[in-house]
N, C-alpha and C. Protein backbone atom coordinates (compact mmCIF):
# COMPACT_ATOMS: atom_id res chain seq x y z
N MET A 1 14.55 7.70 -36.14
CA MET A 1 13.44 7.12 -35.52
C MET A 1 13.11 7.65 -33.93
N ALA A 2 12.83 8.42 -32.30
CA ALA A 2 13.25 8.88 -31.43
C ALA A 2 13.00 7.39 -30.59
N ALA A 3 13.82 7.32 -29.83
CA ALA A 3 13.36 6.04 -28.70
C ALA A 3 12.02 6.16 -27.96
N GLU A 4 11.07 5.32 -27.90
CA GLU A 4 10.00 5.79 -27.12
C GLU A 4 10.25 5.30 -25.51
N LYS A 5 10.35 5.79 -24.25
CA LYS A 5 10.17 6.00 -23.73
C LYS A 5 9.31 5.06 -22.79
N LYS A 6 9.70 4.00 -22.30
CA LYS A 6 8.57 2.86 -21.47
C LYS A 6 7.79 3.85 -20.19
N LYS A 7 6.90 3.22 -19.37
CA LYS A 7 6.09 3.97 -18.76
C LYS A 7 6.17 2.70 -18.36
N LYS A 8 6.11 3.75 -16.46
CA LYS A 8 6.72 3.12 -15.36
C LYS A 8 5.18 2.64 -15.05
N ALA A 9 4.73 1.58 -14.49
CA ALA A 9 3.91 0.43 -14.05
C ALA A 9 2.94 1.32 -12.94
N LYS A 10 1.65 1.45 -12.82
CA LYS A 10 0.69 2.04 -11.72
C LYS A 10 0.46 1.20 -10.63
N GLY A 11 0.28 1.39 -9.27
CA GLY A 11 -0.61 0.60 -8.68
C GLY A 11 -1.71 0.98 -8.10
N LYS A 12 -2.45 -0.16 -7.19
CA LYS A 12 -3.77 0.63 -6.97
C LYS A 12 -3.62 -0.83 -5.44
N ILE A 13 -3.57 0.06 -4.41
CA ILE A 13 -3.47 -0.46 -3.50
C ILE A 13 -5.37 -0.17 -2.30
N VAL A 14 -5.10 -1.51 -1.89
CA VAL A 14 -6.85 -1.84 -0.70
C VAL A 14 -6.20 -2.76 -0.27
N ILE A 15 -6.82 -1.89 0.89
CA ILE A 15 -6.31 -2.32 2.25
C ILE A 15 -7.71 -2.48 2.86
N GLU A 16 -7.95 -3.47 3.17
CA GLU A 16 -9.38 -3.94 4.16
C GLU A 16 -9.25 -3.15 5.71
N GLN A 17 -9.22 -1.54 6.17
CA GLN A 17 -8.78 -0.76 6.99
C GLN A 17 -9.66 -1.75 8.39
N GLU A 18 -10.26 -2.39 8.76
CA GLU A 18 -11.49 -2.32 9.76
C GLU A 18 -10.47 -3.70 10.31
N MET A 19 -10.16 -4.49 9.04
CA MET A 19 -8.72 -5.32 9.60
C MET A 19 -7.63 -5.59 9.83
N CYS A 20 -7.30 -4.44 9.91
CA CYS A 20 -5.68 -3.68 10.01
C CYS A 20 -5.61 -3.56 11.38
N LYS A 21 -4.46 -4.22 11.92
CA LYS A 21 -3.58 -3.91 13.14
C LYS A 21 -2.71 -3.33 13.38
N ALA A 22 -2.43 -2.94 12.55
CA ALA A 22 -1.51 -1.34 12.82
C ALA A 22 -0.02 -1.69 12.96
N CYS A 23 0.28 -3.29 12.44
CA CYS A 23 1.80 -3.32 12.60
C CYS A 23 3.03 -1.59 11.92
N GLY A 24 2.50 -1.35 10.82
CA GLY A 24 3.78 -0.56 10.41
C GLY A 24 4.23 -1.69 8.96
N TYR A 25 3.89 -2.73 9.33
CA TYR A 25 4.90 -3.87 7.99
C TYR A 25 4.96 -3.41 6.90
N CYS A 26 3.50 -2.81 6.59
CA CYS A 26 3.68 -2.97 4.64
C CYS A 26 4.19 -0.58 4.85
N VAL A 27 4.34 -0.31 5.89
CA VAL A 27 3.98 1.23 5.71
C VAL A 27 5.77 1.31 5.93
N ASP A 28 6.90 0.63 6.96
CA ASP A 28 8.07 0.59 6.59
C ASP A 28 8.95 -0.32 5.31
N HIS A 29 7.76 -0.90 4.50
CA HIS A 29 8.37 -2.12 3.23
C HIS A 29 8.19 -1.58 2.23
N CYS A 30 7.40 -0.29 2.15
CA CYS A 30 6.73 0.87 0.69
C CYS A 30 7.51 1.38 -0.02
N PRO A 31 8.53 0.61 -0.90
CA PRO A 31 9.77 1.57 -1.66
C PRO A 31 9.75 3.31 -1.80
N LYS A 32 8.29 2.87 -2.30
CA LYS A 32 7.80 4.72 -2.76
C LYS A 32 7.40 5.07 -1.28
N LYS A 33 7.24 4.62 -0.29
CA LYS A 33 6.86 5.57 0.58
C LYS A 33 4.96 6.04 0.86
N SER A 34 4.30 5.04 -0.24
CA SER A 34 3.34 5.34 -0.43
C SER A 34 1.86 5.22 0.62
N LEU A 35 2.27 4.22 1.67
CA LEU A 35 1.57 3.98 2.84
C LEU A 35 2.06 4.60 3.96
N GLN A 36 0.90 5.11 4.59
CA GLN A 36 0.97 5.60 5.87
C GLN A 36 -0.32 4.93 6.80
N LEU A 37 0.58 5.33 8.28
CA LEU A 37 -1.18 5.19 9.12
C LEU A 37 -1.87 6.40 9.32
N SER A 38 -2.67 5.44 9.23
CA SER A 38 -4.42 6.39 9.68
C SER A 38 -4.33 7.86 10.77
N ASP A 39 -5.03 8.40 10.63
CA ASP A 39 -5.24 9.82 12.25
C ASP A 39 -6.35 9.10 12.95
N HIS A 40 -7.52 8.52 12.30
CA HIS A 40 -8.46 7.65 12.73
C HIS A 40 -8.19 5.75 12.71
N TYR A 41 -9.72 6.08 14.03
CA TYR A 41 -9.31 4.46 14.79
C TYR A 41 -10.11 4.01 13.37
N ASN A 42 -9.86 2.82 13.34
CA ASN A 42 -11.21 1.54 12.78
C ASN A 42 -11.73 0.93 13.83
N ALA A 43 -12.70 0.01 13.86
CA ALA A 43 -13.42 -0.65 14.76
C ALA A 43 -12.79 -1.02 15.80
N LYS A 44 -11.34 -1.93 15.86
CA LYS A 44 -11.16 -2.85 16.13
C LYS A 44 -9.94 -1.96 17.71
N GLY A 45 -9.95 -0.03 17.11
CA GLY A 45 -9.14 0.36 17.95
C GLY A 45 -7.93 0.81 17.48
N TYR A 46 -6.82 0.39 16.64
CA TYR A 46 -6.13 0.24 15.74
C TYR A 46 -6.19 1.04 14.50
N TYR A 47 -4.85 2.42 14.29
CA TYR A 47 -5.37 3.52 13.71
C TYR A 47 -4.41 2.41 11.91
N PRO A 48 -5.32 2.24 11.04
CA PRO A 48 -5.06 1.27 10.42
C PRO A 48 -4.02 1.88 8.98
N ALA A 49 -3.03 1.29 8.15
CA ALA A 49 -2.35 1.62 6.88
C ALA A 49 -3.43 1.96 6.36
N GLU A 50 -2.84 2.81 5.49
CA GLU A 50 -3.66 4.04 4.60
C GLU A 50 -2.68 4.03 3.27
N HIS A 51 -3.16 3.69 2.26
CA HIS A 51 -2.70 4.60 0.61
C HIS A 51 -2.32 6.33 1.03
N THR A 52 -1.23 6.62 0.64
CA THR A 52 -1.25 8.29 0.87
C THR A 52 -1.25 8.91 -0.43
N GLY A 53 -1.87 8.33 -1.46
CA GLY A 53 -2.15 8.82 -2.61
C GLY A 53 -0.80 8.60 -3.37
N GLY A 54 0.35 8.84 -2.63
CA GLY A 54 1.94 8.84 -3.80
C GLY A 54 2.04 8.22 -4.32
N GLU A 55 2.40 7.94 -5.34
CA GLU A 55 3.66 6.68 -6.66
C GLU A 55 3.10 5.29 -6.50
N CYS A 56 2.11 4.21 -6.64
CA CYS A 56 3.11 3.50 -6.01
C CYS A 56 2.78 2.32 -7.76
N THR A 57 4.24 1.82 -7.24
CA THR A 57 4.41 1.43 -8.56
C THR A 57 3.68 -0.64 -9.21
N GLY A 58 2.90 -0.92 -7.87
CA GLY A 58 2.68 -2.14 -7.97
C GLY A 58 3.06 -3.25 -7.82
N CYS A 59 4.19 -2.83 -7.03
CA CYS A 59 4.69 -4.27 -6.10
C CYS A 59 4.45 -5.38 -5.75
N GLY A 60 3.78 -4.80 -4.82
CA GLY A 60 3.27 -5.99 -4.00
C GLY A 60 3.97 -6.48 -2.80
N ILE A 61 4.83 -5.67 -2.18
CA ILE A 61 5.68 -6.07 -1.03
C ILE A 61 4.88 -5.37 0.21
N CYS A 62 4.07 -4.22 0.10
CA CYS A 62 2.88 -4.80 0.90
C CYS A 62 1.41 -5.73 1.67
N ALA A 63 1.17 -6.05 0.63
CA ALA A 63 0.82 -7.73 0.50
C ALA A 63 1.96 -8.09 0.61
N LEU A 64 2.42 -8.87 0.40
CA LEU A 64 3.57 -10.19 1.07
C LEU A 64 3.67 -9.87 2.73
N VAL A 65 4.13 -8.98 2.75
CA VAL A 65 4.68 -8.37 4.58
C VAL A 65 3.63 -8.46 5.60
N CYS A 66 2.19 -8.32 5.31
CA CYS A 66 1.53 -8.25 6.09
C CYS A 66 0.63 -9.29 6.40
N PRO A 67 0.85 -8.95 7.86
CA PRO A 67 0.71 -10.63 8.23
C PRO A 67 -0.57 -11.08 8.68
N GLU A 68 -1.85 -9.89 8.37
CA GLU A 68 -3.25 -10.21 7.95
C GLU A 68 -3.91 -10.35 6.68
N ALA A 69 -2.58 -10.86 5.40
CA ALA A 69 -2.97 -10.93 3.74
C ALA A 69 -4.42 -10.13 4.15
N ILE A 70 -4.09 -8.28 4.55
CA ILE A 70 -5.61 -8.08 3.62
C ILE A 70 -4.87 -6.59 3.13
N ILE A 71 -4.19 -7.13 2.05
CA ILE A 71 -3.46 -5.75 1.37
C ILE A 71 -3.87 -6.72 -0.29
N GLU A 72 -4.53 -5.87 -0.98
CA GLU A 72 -4.64 -6.50 -2.22
C GLU A 72 -3.37 -5.22 -3.08
N VAL A 73 -2.85 -5.71 -4.53
CA VAL A 73 -2.60 -4.46 -4.71
C VAL A 73 -2.44 -5.02 -6.63
N TRP A 74 -2.83 -4.17 -7.10
CA TRP A 74 -3.12 -4.30 -8.88
C TRP A 74 -2.14 -3.23 -9.21
N LYS A 75 -1.74 -4.01 -10.67
CA LYS A 75 -0.61 -3.33 -11.73
C LYS A 75 -1.95 -2.60 -12.55
N GLU A 76 -2.03 -1.18 -12.94
CA GLU A 76 -2.83 -0.94 -14.10
C GLU A 76 -2.48 -0.37 -15.13
């Protein structure tokens, strides 16, 4: 029998963009570099963080370091 490879857990990131103050902590701490600051303003005049569409493992580090607690992460 051939050994089956385990698939990495994929994650889903949801950021409340209107509440984001663009501190960049989530961007700096993402191990897969799948977050970036947006190129558009939110209602408060900040460039909110957004998911780049890149790989997310669902580790939740971004949610843990967010001082506003506006990031939710789920493993799919």
